[in-house]
Amino acid sequence: MSLRLREQIGREEFDYPTLMSALSGYASPRARATALLRSGQIVRVKKGLYVFGDAYRKEPYCRELLANLIFGPSFLSLEYALGYYGLIPERVEALTSVTTNRAKRFETPVGLFVYRPTPSLSVGMERIEHGDIAFLMAVPERALADLIRDDRRSGIRTQQEMERYLVEDLRVESTAVGSMDTGLMEELAGALQSRKVAVCAALIRSLRRRG
């Protein structure tokens, strides 16, 4: 790989048009791209989306940004976001996102990306910036609401059942739940059309009164 190509593509994550533009000086840009893939100098994450191979990487690629790009519209949420915020103790390897599209799962050379359907992406998302990289992720309330709604195993009807589910099953600290935004959780209950999320909002209100 020429240094010129590495300089032309400044980011670790890039798409097909960017790659073709950088290779435009070659007689056959597509053939050159195929050669780069075969040699491992670039890695195909999915069709049309790439990262540099280990030997040519200047810095770690951003898996969170890749999650936004692989399938959309979407943003990171559920278990991955809860783990990112330190609200659940388990290390979450799969990058979990919500989407208004159908459910999808991508096993790629850079990790597992899982997308679960939601009725709305309009509430509870923020843009997280790390240097010159930015990606979309659920705020803590949205991540928890998505997981509660998505978990079909729990037939939760009361605040007591919800508290037991959060503390014992998910192992979220009750103090962390009590510090969440009640109004936002109530808004999410409507946006996600979830009775269980409404129960969680009522629990947060109760925990605030207790505290």
N, C-alpha and C. Protein backbone atom coordinates (compact mmCIF):
# COMPACT_ATOMS: atom_id res chain seq x y z
N MET A 1 0.85 -1.20 0.00
CA MET A 1 0.00 0.00 0.00
C MET A 1 0.88 1.24 0.00
N SER A 2 0.58 2.18 -0.87
CA SER A 2 1.37 3.40 -0.89
C SER A 2 0.99 4.30 0.28
N LEU A 3 1.98 5.07 0.75
CA LEU A 3 1.70 6.03 1.82
C LEU A 3 0.68 7.06 1.37
N ARG A 4 0.68 7.33 0.07
CA ARG A 4 -0.26 8.31 -0.47
C ARG A 4 -1.70 7.85 -0.25
N LEU A 5 -1.96 6.57 -0.46
CA LEU A 5 -3.30 6.04 -0.25
C LEU A 5 -3.70 6.15 1.22
N ARG A 6 -2.79 5.80 2.11
CA ARG A 6 -3.08 5.88 3.55
C ARG A 6 -3.34 7.32 3.97
N GLU A 7 -2.65 8.26 3.34
CA GLU A 7 -2.86 9.67 3.66
C GLU A 7 -4.17 10.19 3.06
N GLN A 8 -4.50 9.69 1.88
CA GLN A 8 -5.75 10.14 1.24
C GLN A 8 -6.97 9.70 2.04
N ILE A 9 -6.90 8.51 2.60
CA ILE A 9 -8.00 8.03 3.44
C ILE A 9 -7.58 8.25 4.89
N GLY A 10 -7.94 9.37 5.44
CA GLY A 10 -7.48 9.74 6.77
C GLY A 10 -8.11 8.93 7.89
N ARG A 11 -9.36 8.49 7.68
CA ARG A 11 -10.08 7.76 8.72
C ARG A 11 -9.78 6.28 8.68
N GLU A 12 -9.95 5.62 9.80
CA GLU A 12 -9.77 4.16 9.82
C GLU A 12 -10.97 3.44 9.21
N GLU A 13 -12.14 4.09 9.24
CA GLU A 13 -13.37 3.51 8.70
C GLU A 13 -13.72 4.28 7.41
N PHE A 14 -13.97 3.57 6.34
CA PHE A 14 -14.25 4.27 5.08
C PHE A 14 -15.17 3.43 4.20
N ASP A 15 -15.82 4.10 3.26
CA ASP A 15 -16.78 3.42 2.39
C ASP A 15 -16.21 3.22 0.99
N TYR A 16 -16.99 2.58 0.15
CA TYR A 16 -16.54 2.23 -1.20
C TYR A 16 -16.23 3.46 -2.06
N PRO A 17 -17.11 4.48 -2.07
CA PRO A 17 -16.77 5.67 -2.88
C PRO A 17 -15.45 6.32 -2.45
N THR A 18 -15.19 6.35 -1.14
CA THR A 18 -13.92 6.91 -0.65
C THR A 18 -12.75 6.09 -1.15
N LEU A 19 -12.89 4.77 -1.10
CA LEU A 19 -11.83 3.88 -1.57
C LEU A 19 -11.59 4.07 -3.06
N MET A 20 -12.66 4.12 -3.86
CA MET A 20 -12.51 4.29 -5.29
C MET A 20 -11.88 5.64 -5.64
N SER A 21 -12.24 6.66 -4.90
CA SER A 21 -11.64 7.98 -5.14
C SER A 21 -10.14 7.95 -4.86
N ALA A 22 -9.75 7.29 -3.77
CA ALA A 22 -8.34 7.21 -3.42
C ALA A 22 -7.54 6.38 -4.42
N LEU A 23 -8.21 5.43 -5.08
CA LEU A 23 -7.53 4.56 -6.04
C LEU A 23 -7.72 5.02 -7.49
N SER A 24 -8.24 6.21 -7.67
CA SER A 24 -8.59 6.67 -9.02
C SER A 24 -7.37 6.80 -9.95
N GLY A 25 -6.17 6.88 -9.38
CA GLY A 25 -4.98 6.99 -10.20
C GLY A 25 -4.54 5.69 -10.83
N TYR A 26 -5.12 4.58 -10.39
CA TYR A 26 -4.77 3.27 -10.95
C TYR A 26 -5.58 3.00 -12.22
N ALA A 27 -5.01 2.19 -13.12
CA ALA A 27 -5.71 1.85 -14.36
C ALA A 27 -7.01 1.12 -14.06
N SER A 28 -6.99 0.26 -13.02
CA SER A 28 -8.20 -0.48 -12.63
C SER A 28 -8.37 -0.38 -11.12
N PRO A 29 -9.07 0.64 -10.63
CA PRO A 29 -9.26 0.80 -9.19
C PRO A 29 -9.90 -0.41 -8.52
N ARG A 30 -10.85 -1.06 -9.21
CA ARG A 30 -11.52 -2.22 -8.62
C ARG A 30 -10.55 -3.38 -8.44
N ALA A 31 -9.71 -3.61 -9.43
CA ALA A 31 -8.72 -4.69 -9.32
C ALA A 31 -7.73 -4.39 -8.19
N ARG A 32 -7.35 -3.12 -8.06
CA ARG A 32 -6.44 -2.75 -6.98
C ARG A 32 -7.11 -2.95 -5.62
N ALA A 33 -8.39 -2.61 -5.51
CA ALA A 33 -9.13 -2.82 -4.25
C ALA A 33 -9.19 -4.30 -3.91
N THR A 34 -9.42 -5.14 -4.91
CA THR A 34 -9.45 -6.60 -4.69
C THR A 34 -8.11 -7.09 -4.17
N ALA A 35 -7.02 -6.56 -4.73
CA ALA A 35 -5.69 -6.96 -4.28
C ALA A 35 -5.43 -6.52 -2.84
N LEU A 36 -5.88 -5.34 -2.48
CA LEU A 36 -5.72 -4.85 -1.11
C LEU A 36 -6.49 -5.72 -0.12
N LEU A 37 -7.68 -6.16 -0.53
CA LEU A 37 -8.48 -7.03 0.32
C LEU A 37 -7.81 -8.40 0.49
N ARG A 38 -7.33 -8.95 -0.59
CA ARG A 38 -6.70 -10.28 -0.54
C ARG A 38 -5.45 -10.27 0.33
N SER A 39 -4.71 -9.18 0.30
CA SER A 39 -3.48 -9.09 1.08
C SER A 39 -3.72 -8.71 2.54
N GLY A 40 -4.96 -8.35 2.88
CA GLY A 40 -5.28 -7.97 4.26
C GLY A 40 -4.91 -6.54 4.59
N GLN A 41 -4.54 -5.76 3.58
CA GLN A 41 -4.20 -4.36 3.84
C GLN A 41 -5.43 -3.55 4.18
N ILE A 42 -6.56 -3.93 3.60
CA ILE A 42 -7.85 -3.40 4.03
C ILE A 42 -8.76 -4.59 4.33
N VAL A 43 -9.74 -4.36 5.20
CA VAL A 43 -10.66 -5.42 5.64
C VAL A 43 -12.08 -4.99 5.34
N ARG A 44 -12.85 -5.87 4.68
CA ARG A 44 -14.25 -5.58 4.40
C ARG A 44 -15.08 -5.91 5.63
N VAL A 45 -15.72 -4.91 6.20
CA VAL A 45 -16.64 -5.12 7.33
C VAL A 45 -17.96 -5.67 6.81
N LYS A 46 -18.47 -5.05 5.79
CA LYS A 46 -19.62 -5.54 5.02
C LYS A 46 -19.48 -4.92 3.64
N LYS A 47 -20.33 -5.29 2.71
CA LYS A 47 -20.21 -4.76 1.35
C LYS A 47 -20.26 -3.23 1.38
N GLY A 48 -19.20 -2.61 0.88
CA GLY A 48 -19.15 -1.16 0.79
C GLY A 48 -18.60 -0.45 2.01
N LEU A 49 -18.16 -1.20 3.03
CA LEU A 49 -17.65 -0.58 4.25
C LEU A 49 -16.37 -1.30 4.67
N TYR A 50 -15.32 -0.53 4.97
CA TYR A 50 -14.00 -1.11 5.19
C TYR A 50 -13.28 -0.45 6.36
N VAL A 51 -12.25 -1.15 6.86
CA VAL A 51 -11.26 -0.58 7.78
C VAL A 51 -9.88 -1.02 7.28
N PHE A 52 -8.85 -0.34 7.75
CA PHE A 52 -7.49 -0.74 7.39
C PHE A 52 -7.08 -1.98 8.18
N GLY A 53 -6.24 -2.82 7.57
CA GLY A 53 -5.68 -3.97 8.26
C GLY A 53 -4.70 -3.54 9.35
N ASP A 54 -4.34 -4.48 10.21
CA ASP A 54 -3.51 -4.17 11.38
C ASP A 54 -2.23 -3.43 11.02
N ALA A 55 -1.56 -3.85 9.97
CA ALA A 55 -0.26 -3.28 9.64
C ALA A 55 -0.35 -1.83 9.16
N TYR A 56 -1.52 -1.41 8.73
CA TYR A 56 -1.66 -0.06 8.16
C TYR A 56 -2.56 0.84 8.99
N ARG A 57 -2.94 0.36 10.14
CA ARG A 57 -3.84 1.13 11.00
C ARG A 57 -3.05 2.16 11.82
N LYS A 58 -3.50 3.38 11.81
CA LYS A 58 -2.84 4.42 12.59
C LYS A 58 -3.36 4.46 14.02
N GLU A 59 -4.61 4.10 14.19
CA GLU A 59 -5.26 4.09 15.51
C GLU A 59 -6.39 3.08 15.47
N PRO A 60 -6.94 2.71 16.64
CA PRO A 60 -8.04 1.74 16.63
C PRO A 60 -9.25 2.27 15.85
N TYR A 61 -9.87 1.39 15.08
CA TYR A 61 -11.12 1.80 14.43
C TYR A 61 -12.22 1.87 15.48
N CYS A 62 -13.27 2.61 15.17
CA CYS A 62 -14.37 2.82 16.12
C CYS A 62 -15.51 1.85 15.80
N ARG A 63 -15.65 0.81 16.62
CA ARG A 63 -16.72 -0.17 16.38
C ARG A 63 -18.10 0.47 16.56
N GLU A 64 -18.20 1.46 17.44
CA GLU A 64 -19.49 2.12 17.64
C GLU A 64 -19.93 2.86 16.38
N LEU A 65 -18.98 3.53 15.73
CA LEU A 65 -19.30 4.19 14.47
C LEU A 65 -19.68 3.17 13.42
N LEU A 66 -18.95 2.07 13.36
CA LEU A 66 -19.28 1.01 12.40
C LEU A 66 -20.70 0.48 12.63
N ALA A 67 -21.09 0.36 13.89
CA ALA A 67 -22.45 -0.12 14.20
C ALA A 67 -23.50 0.81 13.59
N ASN A 68 -23.26 2.12 13.65
CA ASN A 68 -24.18 3.08 13.03
C ASN A 68 -24.23 2.93 11.52
N LEU A 69 -23.08 2.57 10.92
CA LEU A 69 -22.96 2.55 9.46
C LEU A 69 -23.40 1.24 8.82
N ILE A 70 -23.28 0.14 9.55
CA ILE A 70 -23.54 -1.18 8.96
C ILE A 70 -25.00 -1.35 8.56
N PHE A 71 -25.92 -0.85 9.39
CA PHE A 71 -27.35 -1.04 9.12
C PHE A 71 -28.11 0.12 9.76
N GLY A 72 -29.03 0.69 9.03
CA GLY A 72 -29.75 1.82 9.58
C GLY A 72 -31.12 2.00 8.95
N PRO A 73 -31.84 3.00 9.46
CA PRO A 73 -31.42 3.91 10.54
C PRO A 73 -31.33 3.15 11.87
N SER A 74 -30.33 3.52 12.66
CA SER A 74 -30.14 2.81 13.93
C SER A 74 -29.27 3.64 14.86
N PHE A 75 -29.28 3.27 16.13
CA PHE A 75 -28.28 3.75 17.07
C PHE A 75 -28.05 2.69 18.14
N LEU A 76 -26.90 2.73 18.76
CA LEU A 76 -26.54 1.75 19.79
C LEU A 76 -27.45 1.88 21.00
N SER A 77 -27.84 0.73 21.57
CA SER A 77 -28.73 0.74 22.72
C SER A 77 -28.65 -0.62 23.40
N LEU A 78 -29.69 -0.94 24.20
CA LEU A 78 -29.83 -2.25 24.83
C LEU A 78 -28.59 -2.61 25.66
N GLU A 79 -28.16 -3.86 25.63
CA GLU A 79 -27.08 -4.33 26.51
C GLU A 79 -25.77 -3.58 26.29
N TYR A 80 -25.45 -3.31 25.03
CA TYR A 80 -24.16 -2.66 24.77
C TYR A 80 -24.11 -1.27 25.41
N ALA A 81 -25.17 -0.49 25.23
CA ALA A 81 -25.19 0.86 25.80
C ALA A 81 -25.18 0.81 27.33
N LEU A 82 -25.94 -0.11 27.91
CA LEU A 82 -25.95 -0.23 29.38
C LEU A 82 -24.56 -0.59 29.89
N GLY A 83 -23.86 -1.48 29.18
CA GLY A 83 -22.49 -1.81 29.56
C GLY A 83 -21.55 -0.63 29.37
N TYR A 84 -21.75 0.13 28.31
CA TYR A 84 -20.92 1.31 28.02
C TYR A 84 -21.02 2.32 29.17
N TYR A 85 -22.23 2.49 29.70
CA TYR A 85 -22.44 3.43 30.80
C TYR A 85 -22.11 2.83 32.17
N GLY A 86 -21.75 1.55 32.22
CA GLY A 86 -21.42 0.91 33.48
C GLY A 86 -22.63 0.59 34.34
N LEU A 87 -23.80 0.46 33.72
CA LEU A 87 -25.01 0.18 34.47
C LEU A 87 -25.24 -1.31 34.70
N ILE A 88 -24.62 -2.16 33.89
CA ILE A 88 -24.67 -3.60 34.13
C ILE A 88 -23.23 -4.10 34.26
N PRO A 89 -23.00 -5.12 35.07
CA PRO A 89 -21.62 -5.54 35.35
C PRO A 89 -20.97 -6.36 34.24
N GLU A 90 -21.76 -6.99 33.39
CA GLU A 90 -21.19 -7.87 32.38
C GLU A 90 -20.50 -7.10 31.27
N ARG A 91 -19.43 -7.68 30.76
CA ARG A 91 -18.79 -7.13 29.57
C ARG A 91 -19.60 -7.59 28.36
N VAL A 92 -20.06 -6.66 27.55
CA VAL A 92 -20.91 -6.97 26.42
C VAL A 92 -20.08 -6.93 25.14
N GLU A 93 -19.95 -8.09 24.49
CA GLU A 93 -19.13 -8.17 23.29
C GLU A 93 -19.89 -7.74 22.04
N ALA A 94 -21.13 -8.20 21.89
CA ALA A 94 -21.91 -7.84 20.71
C ALA A 94 -22.34 -6.38 20.80
N LEU A 95 -22.28 -5.68 19.67
CA LEU A 95 -22.76 -4.30 19.63
C LEU A 95 -24.23 -4.33 19.27
N THR A 96 -25.08 -3.99 20.24
CA THR A 96 -26.52 -4.07 20.08
C THR A 96 -27.09 -2.69 19.76
N SER A 97 -27.95 -2.65 18.76
CA SER A 97 -28.57 -1.39 18.34
C SER A 97 -30.06 -1.58 18.16
N VAL A 98 -30.78 -0.47 18.11
CA VAL A 98 -32.21 -0.51 17.76
C VAL A 98 -32.38 0.15 16.40
N THR A 99 -33.37 -0.31 15.67
CA THR A 99 -33.63 0.18 14.32
C THR A 99 -35.12 0.14 14.03
N THR A 100 -35.58 1.04 13.18
CA THR A 100 -36.98 0.98 12.73
C THR A 100 -37.11 0.02 11.55
N ASN A 101 -36.02 -0.58 11.15
CA ASN A 101 -36.03 -1.62 10.14
C ASN A 101 -36.27 -2.98 10.80
N ARG A 102 -36.13 -4.03 10.02
CA ARG A 102 -36.31 -5.38 10.56
C ARG A 102 -35.09 -5.79 11.38
N ALA A 103 -35.24 -6.84 12.17
CA ALA A 103 -34.13 -7.36 12.95
C ALA A 103 -33.05 -7.90 12.03
N LYS A 104 -31.79 -7.63 12.38
CA LYS A 104 -30.67 -8.12 11.57
C LYS A 104 -29.51 -8.47 12.50
N ARG A 105 -28.64 -9.33 11.96
CA ARG A 105 -27.45 -9.77 12.70
C ARG A 105 -26.30 -9.89 11.70
N PHE A 106 -25.19 -9.24 12.02
CA PHE A 106 -24.03 -9.27 11.13
C PHE A 106 -22.82 -9.80 11.90
N GLU A 107 -22.30 -10.93 11.46
CA GLU A 107 -21.05 -11.44 12.01
C GLU A 107 -19.94 -11.00 11.06
N THR A 108 -19.05 -10.15 11.55
CA THR A 108 -18.05 -9.53 10.70
C THR A 108 -16.64 -9.79 11.23
N PRO A 109 -15.60 -9.48 10.46
CA PRO A 109 -14.23 -9.64 10.95
C PRO A 109 -13.91 -8.75 12.14
N VAL A 110 -14.74 -7.73 12.39
CA VAL A 110 -14.46 -6.81 13.50
C VAL A 110 -15.45 -6.96 14.65
N GLY A 111 -16.30 -7.98 14.60
CA GLY A 111 -17.22 -8.21 15.71
C GLY A 111 -18.63 -8.52 15.27
N LEU A 112 -19.46 -8.80 16.27
CA LEU A 112 -20.87 -9.14 16.04
C LEU A 112 -21.73 -7.90 16.25
N PHE A 113 -22.59 -7.61 15.29
CA PHE A 113 -23.47 -6.45 15.35
C PHE A 113 -24.92 -6.94 15.25
N VAL A 114 -25.72 -6.60 16.25
CA VAL A 114 -27.10 -7.07 16.35
C VAL A 114 -28.04 -5.87 16.33
N TYR A 115 -29.10 -5.96 15.54
CA TYR A 115 -30.07 -4.87 15.41
C TYR A 115 -31.46 -5.41 15.74
N ARG A 116 -32.14 -4.73 16.66
CA ARG A 116 -33.47 -5.17 17.08
C ARG A 116 -34.49 -4.08 16.75
N PRO A 117 -35.67 -4.48 16.30
CA PRO A 117 -36.65 -3.48 15.84
C PRO A 117 -37.27 -2.68 16.98
N THR A 118 -37.58 -1.43 16.70
CA THR A 118 -38.24 -0.54 17.64
C THR A 118 -39.26 0.30 16.87
N PRO A 119 -40.34 0.73 17.52
CA PRO A 119 -41.31 1.56 16.81
C PRO A 119 -40.86 3.00 16.60
N SER A 120 -39.81 3.43 17.33
CA SER A 120 -39.42 4.83 17.24
C SER A 120 -37.94 5.02 17.58
N LEU A 121 -37.30 5.93 16.83
CA LEU A 121 -35.93 6.34 17.12
C LEU A 121 -35.86 7.81 17.54
N SER A 122 -37.00 8.40 17.78
CA SER A 122 -37.07 9.86 17.93
C SER A 122 -36.77 10.35 19.34
N VAL A 123 -36.73 9.46 20.32
CA VAL A 123 -36.57 9.89 21.72
C VAL A 123 -35.40 9.17 22.36
N GLY A 124 -34.57 9.91 23.10
CA GLY A 124 -33.57 9.27 23.96
C GLY A 124 -32.28 8.87 23.28
N MET A 125 -31.87 9.59 22.26
CA MET A 125 -30.61 9.32 21.58
C MET A 125 -29.70 10.53 21.71
N GLU A 126 -28.38 10.27 21.82
CA GLU A 126 -27.43 11.37 21.85
C GLU A 126 -26.24 11.08 20.94
N ARG A 127 -25.56 12.14 20.58
CA ARG A 127 -24.34 12.05 19.75
C ARG A 127 -23.15 12.08 20.69
N ILE A 128 -22.34 11.04 20.66
CA ILE A 128 -21.16 10.94 21.52
C ILE A 128 -19.92 11.20 20.67
N GLU A 129 -19.08 12.11 21.13
CA GLU A 129 -17.90 12.49 20.37
C GLU A 129 -16.63 12.05 21.09
N HIS A 130 -15.72 11.46 20.32
CA HIS A 130 -14.38 11.11 20.79
C HIS A 130 -13.39 11.66 19.76
N GLY A 131 -12.81 12.80 20.06
CA GLY A 131 -11.92 13.43 19.10
C GLY A 131 -12.69 13.82 17.85
N ASP A 132 -12.23 13.34 16.69
CA ASP A 132 -12.91 13.68 15.43
C ASP A 132 -13.92 12.63 15.01
N ILE A 133 -14.21 11.68 15.93
CA ILE A 133 -15.18 10.63 15.64
C ILE A 133 -16.43 10.86 16.48
N ALA A 134 -17.57 10.65 15.88
CA ALA A 134 -18.84 10.77 16.61
C ALA A 134 -19.76 9.64 16.20
N PHE A 135 -20.53 9.14 17.17
CA PHE A 135 -21.49 8.08 16.88
C PHE A 135 -22.75 8.30 17.70
N LEU A 136 -23.82 7.62 17.32
CA LEU A 136 -25.12 7.78 17.96
C LEU A 136 -25.39 6.63 18.92
N MET A 137 -25.81 7.00 20.14
CA MET A 137 -26.08 5.98 21.16
C MET A 137 -27.26 6.43 22.02
N ALA A 138 -27.99 5.46 22.53
CA ALA A 138 -29.08 5.74 23.45
C ALA A 138 -28.54 6.36 24.74
N VAL A 139 -29.30 7.27 25.33
CA VAL A 139 -29.00 7.71 26.69
C VAL A 139 -29.35 6.55 27.63
N PRO A 140 -28.89 6.56 28.88
CA PRO A 140 -29.15 5.41 29.77
C PRO A 140 -30.62 5.02 29.88
N GLU A 141 -31.50 6.02 30.00
CA GLU A 141 -32.93 5.71 30.12
C GLU A 141 -33.45 4.97 28.89
N ARG A 142 -33.02 5.41 27.72
CA ARG A 142 -33.48 4.77 26.49
C ARG A 142 -32.92 3.35 26.38
N ALA A 143 -31.65 3.17 26.72
CA ALA A 143 -31.05 1.84 26.65
C ALA A 143 -31.80 0.86 27.55
N LEU A 144 -32.14 1.31 28.77
CA LEU A 144 -32.87 0.45 29.70
C LEU A 144 -34.29 0.19 29.19
N ALA A 145 -34.94 1.23 28.69
CA ALA A 145 -36.30 1.07 28.18
C ALA A 145 -36.33 0.09 27.00
N ASP A 146 -35.36 0.20 26.11
CA ASP A 146 -35.30 -0.73 24.97
C ASP A 146 -35.13 -2.17 25.44
N LEU A 147 -34.28 -2.38 26.45
CA LEU A 147 -34.05 -3.74 26.93
C LEU A 147 -35.28 -4.29 27.63
N ILE A 148 -35.94 -3.47 28.42
CA ILE A 148 -37.16 -3.90 29.10
C ILE A 148 -38.22 -4.29 28.07
N ARG A 149 -38.39 -3.45 27.06
CA ARG A 149 -39.40 -3.73 26.02
C ARG A 149 -39.03 -4.97 25.22
N ASP A 150 -37.74 -5.15 24.96
CA ASP A 150 -37.29 -6.23 24.08
C ASP A 150 -37.31 -7.60 24.77
N ASP A 151 -37.27 -7.61 26.10
CA ASP A 151 -37.20 -8.87 26.84
C ASP A 151 -38.59 -9.48 26.93
N ARG A 152 -38.81 -10.50 26.13
CA ARG A 152 -40.14 -11.14 26.08
C ARG A 152 -40.34 -12.13 27.22
N ARG A 153 -39.28 -12.42 27.96
CA ARG A 153 -39.40 -13.44 29.01
C ARG A 153 -40.12 -12.92 30.25
N SER A 154 -40.08 -11.63 30.46
CA SER A 154 -40.58 -11.08 31.73
C SER A 154 -41.99 -10.50 31.57
N GLY A 155 -42.95 -11.11 32.26
CA GLY A 155 -44.31 -10.59 32.23
C GLY A 155 -44.53 -9.65 33.40
N ILE A 156 -43.80 -8.56 33.44
CA ILE A 156 -43.81 -7.65 34.58
C ILE A 156 -45.08 -6.82 34.59
N ARG A 157 -45.73 -6.77 35.77
CA ARG A 157 -46.95 -5.98 35.90
C ARG A 157 -46.88 -4.96 37.03
N THR A 158 -46.05 -5.20 38.03
CA THR A 158 -46.01 -4.32 39.20
C THR A 158 -44.63 -3.71 39.37
N GLN A 159 -44.57 -2.65 40.19
CA GLN A 159 -43.29 -2.01 40.48
C GLN A 159 -42.34 -2.97 41.21
N GLN A 160 -42.91 -3.80 42.09
CA GLN A 160 -42.09 -4.76 42.82
C GLN A 160 -41.45 -5.77 41.87
N GLU A 161 -42.22 -6.24 40.92
CA GLU A 161 -41.68 -7.18 39.92
C GLU A 161 -40.62 -6.49 39.06
N MET A 162 -40.85 -5.22 38.72
CA MET A 162 -39.88 -4.49 37.93
C MET A 162 -38.57 -4.29 38.70
N GLU A 163 -38.66 -3.94 39.95
CA GLU A 163 -37.46 -3.72 40.76
C GLU A 163 -36.66 -5.02 40.88
N ARG A 164 -37.38 -6.13 41.09
CA ARG A 164 -36.71 -7.43 41.20
C ARG A 164 -36.02 -7.78 39.87
N TYR A 165 -36.69 -7.51 38.78
CA TYR A 165 -36.13 -7.80 37.46
C TYR A 165 -34.85 -6.96 37.22
N LEU A 166 -34.92 -5.68 37.53
CA LEU A 166 -33.77 -4.80 37.29
C LEU A 166 -32.59 -5.15 38.18
N VAL A 167 -32.86 -5.36 39.46
CA VAL A 167 -31.78 -5.57 40.43
C VAL A 167 -31.24 -6.99 40.40
N GLU A 168 -32.13 -7.98 40.30
CA GLU A 168 -31.70 -9.38 40.37
C GLU A 168 -31.34 -9.97 39.00
N ASP A 169 -32.14 -9.68 38.00
CA ASP A 169 -31.89 -10.26 36.68
C ASP A 169 -30.84 -9.46 35.88
N LEU A 170 -31.06 -8.15 35.79
CA LEU A 170 -30.12 -7.32 35.03
C LEU A 170 -28.94 -6.86 35.88
N ARG A 171 -29.10 -6.90 37.19
CA ARG A 171 -28.08 -6.46 38.15
C ARG A 171 -27.72 -4.98 37.99
N VAL A 172 -28.77 -4.18 37.79
CA VAL A 172 -28.62 -2.72 37.78
C VAL A 172 -28.83 -2.24 39.22
N GLU A 173 -27.96 -1.39 39.70
CA GLU A 173 -28.09 -0.86 41.06
C GLU A 173 -29.37 -0.03 41.18
N SER A 174 -30.11 -0.23 42.27
CA SER A 174 -31.36 0.52 42.47
C SER A 174 -31.10 2.02 42.55
N THR A 175 -29.92 2.41 43.08
CA THR A 175 -29.60 3.84 43.14
C THR A 175 -29.44 4.42 41.73
N ALA A 176 -28.91 3.62 40.80
CA ALA A 176 -28.76 4.08 39.42
C ALA A 176 -30.12 4.23 38.76
N VAL A 177 -31.03 3.30 39.05
CA VAL A 177 -32.38 3.40 38.51
C VAL A 177 -33.08 4.64 39.07
N GLY A 178 -32.93 4.84 40.38
CA GLY A 178 -33.59 5.97 41.04
C GLY A 178 -33.09 7.33 40.57
N SER A 179 -31.90 7.37 40.01
CA SER A 179 -31.34 8.65 39.53
C SER A 179 -31.74 8.96 38.10
N MET A 180 -32.47 8.06 37.46
CA MET A 180 -32.86 8.30 36.06
C MET A 180 -33.98 9.33 35.97
N ASP A 181 -34.17 9.85 34.78
CA ASP A 181 -35.14 10.91 34.50
C ASP A 181 -36.54 10.30 34.34
N THR A 182 -37.40 10.57 35.31
CA THR A 182 -38.75 10.00 35.29
C THR A 182 -39.53 10.46 34.07
N GLY A 183 -39.46 11.76 33.80
CA GLY A 183 -40.20 12.31 32.67
C GLY A 183 -39.78 11.68 31.34
N LEU A 184 -38.49 11.48 31.18
CA LEU A 184 -37.99 10.86 29.95
C LEU A 184 -38.47 9.42 29.84
N MET A 185 -38.45 8.69 30.96
CA MET A 185 -38.90 7.30 30.92
C MET A 185 -40.39 7.23 30.60
N GLU A 186 -41.17 8.17 31.10
CA GLU A 186 -42.59 8.21 30.77
C GLU A 186 -42.80 8.51 29.29
N GLU A 187 -41.98 9.43 28.75
CA GLU A 187 -42.06 9.73 27.32
C GLU A 187 -41.68 8.51 26.49
N LEU A 188 -40.69 7.78 26.96
CA LEU A 188 -40.25 6.57 26.25
C LEU A 188 -41.33 5.50 26.28
N ALA A 189 -42.06 5.42 27.39
CA ALA A 189 -43.15 4.43 27.47
C ALA A 189 -44.17 4.66 26.37
N GLY A 190 -44.46 5.94 26.09
CA GLY A 190 -45.39 6.26 25.01
C GLY A 190 -44.79 6.01 23.64
N ALA A 191 -43.54 6.46 23.44
CA ALA A 191 -42.89 6.31 22.13
C ALA A 191 -42.69 4.85 21.77
N LEU A 192 -42.39 4.03 22.78
CA LEU A 192 -42.12 2.61 22.54
C LEU A 192 -43.36 1.74 22.69
N GLN A 193 -44.47 2.38 23.06
CA GLN A 193 -45.75 1.67 23.21
C GLN A 193 -45.60 0.47 24.14
N SER A 194 -45.01 0.74 25.32
CA SER A 194 -44.68 -0.36 26.24
C SER A 194 -45.25 -0.10 27.64
N ARG A 195 -46.12 -1.00 28.06
CA ARG A 195 -46.65 -0.92 29.42
C ARG A 195 -45.55 -1.18 30.45
N LYS A 196 -44.62 -2.08 30.12
CA LYS A 196 -43.54 -2.40 31.06
C LYS A 196 -42.64 -1.18 31.30
N VAL A 197 -42.39 -0.40 30.27
CA VAL A 197 -41.57 0.81 30.44
C VAL A 197 -42.33 1.82 31.30
N ALA A 198 -43.64 1.87 31.18
CA ALA A 198 -44.44 2.74 32.04
C ALA A 198 -44.32 2.31 33.50
N VAL A 199 -44.29 1.01 33.74
CA VAL A 199 -44.09 0.50 35.11
C VAL A 199 -42.72 0.92 35.62
N CYS A 200 -41.72 0.88 34.76
CA CYS A 200 -40.37 1.31 35.16
C CYS A 200 -40.36 2.79 35.52
N ALA A 201 -41.07 3.60 34.75
CA ALA A 201 -41.15 5.03 35.06
C ALA A 201 -41.79 5.25 36.42
N ALA A 202 -42.84 4.50 36.73
CA ALA A 202 -43.49 4.61 38.05
C ALA A 202 -42.55 4.17 39.16
N LEU A 203 -41.73 3.14 38.89
CA LEU A 203 -40.76 2.67 39.88
C LEU A 203 -39.72 3.75 40.15
N ILE A 204 -39.23 4.42 39.11
CA ILE A 204 -38.24 5.48 39.31
C ILE A 204 -38.82 6.57 40.20
N ARG A 205 -40.07 6.93 39.96
CA ARG A 205 -40.72 7.94 40.79
C ARG A 205 -40.78 7.48 42.25
N SER A 206 -41.10 6.21 42.47
CA SER A 206 -41.18 5.67 43.83
C SER A 206 -39.81 5.66 44.50
N LEU A 207 -38.78 5.27 43.75
CA LEU A 207 -37.43 5.23 44.30
C LEU A 207 -36.95 6.63 44.68
N ARG A 208 -37.34 7.60 43.92
CA ARG A 208 -36.98 9.00 44.24
C ARG A 208 -37.63 9.42 45.56
N ARG A 209 -38.88 9.02 45.75
CA ARG A 209 -39.57 9.37 46.99
C ARG A 209 -38.91 8.67 48.19
N ARG A 210 -38.50 7.42 47.99
CA ARG A 210 -37.84 6.68 49.07
C ARG A 210 -36.52 7.31 49.45
N GLY A 211 -35.78 7.77 48.40
CA GLY A 211 -34.44 8.30 48.63
C GLY A 211 -34.44 9.66 49.23
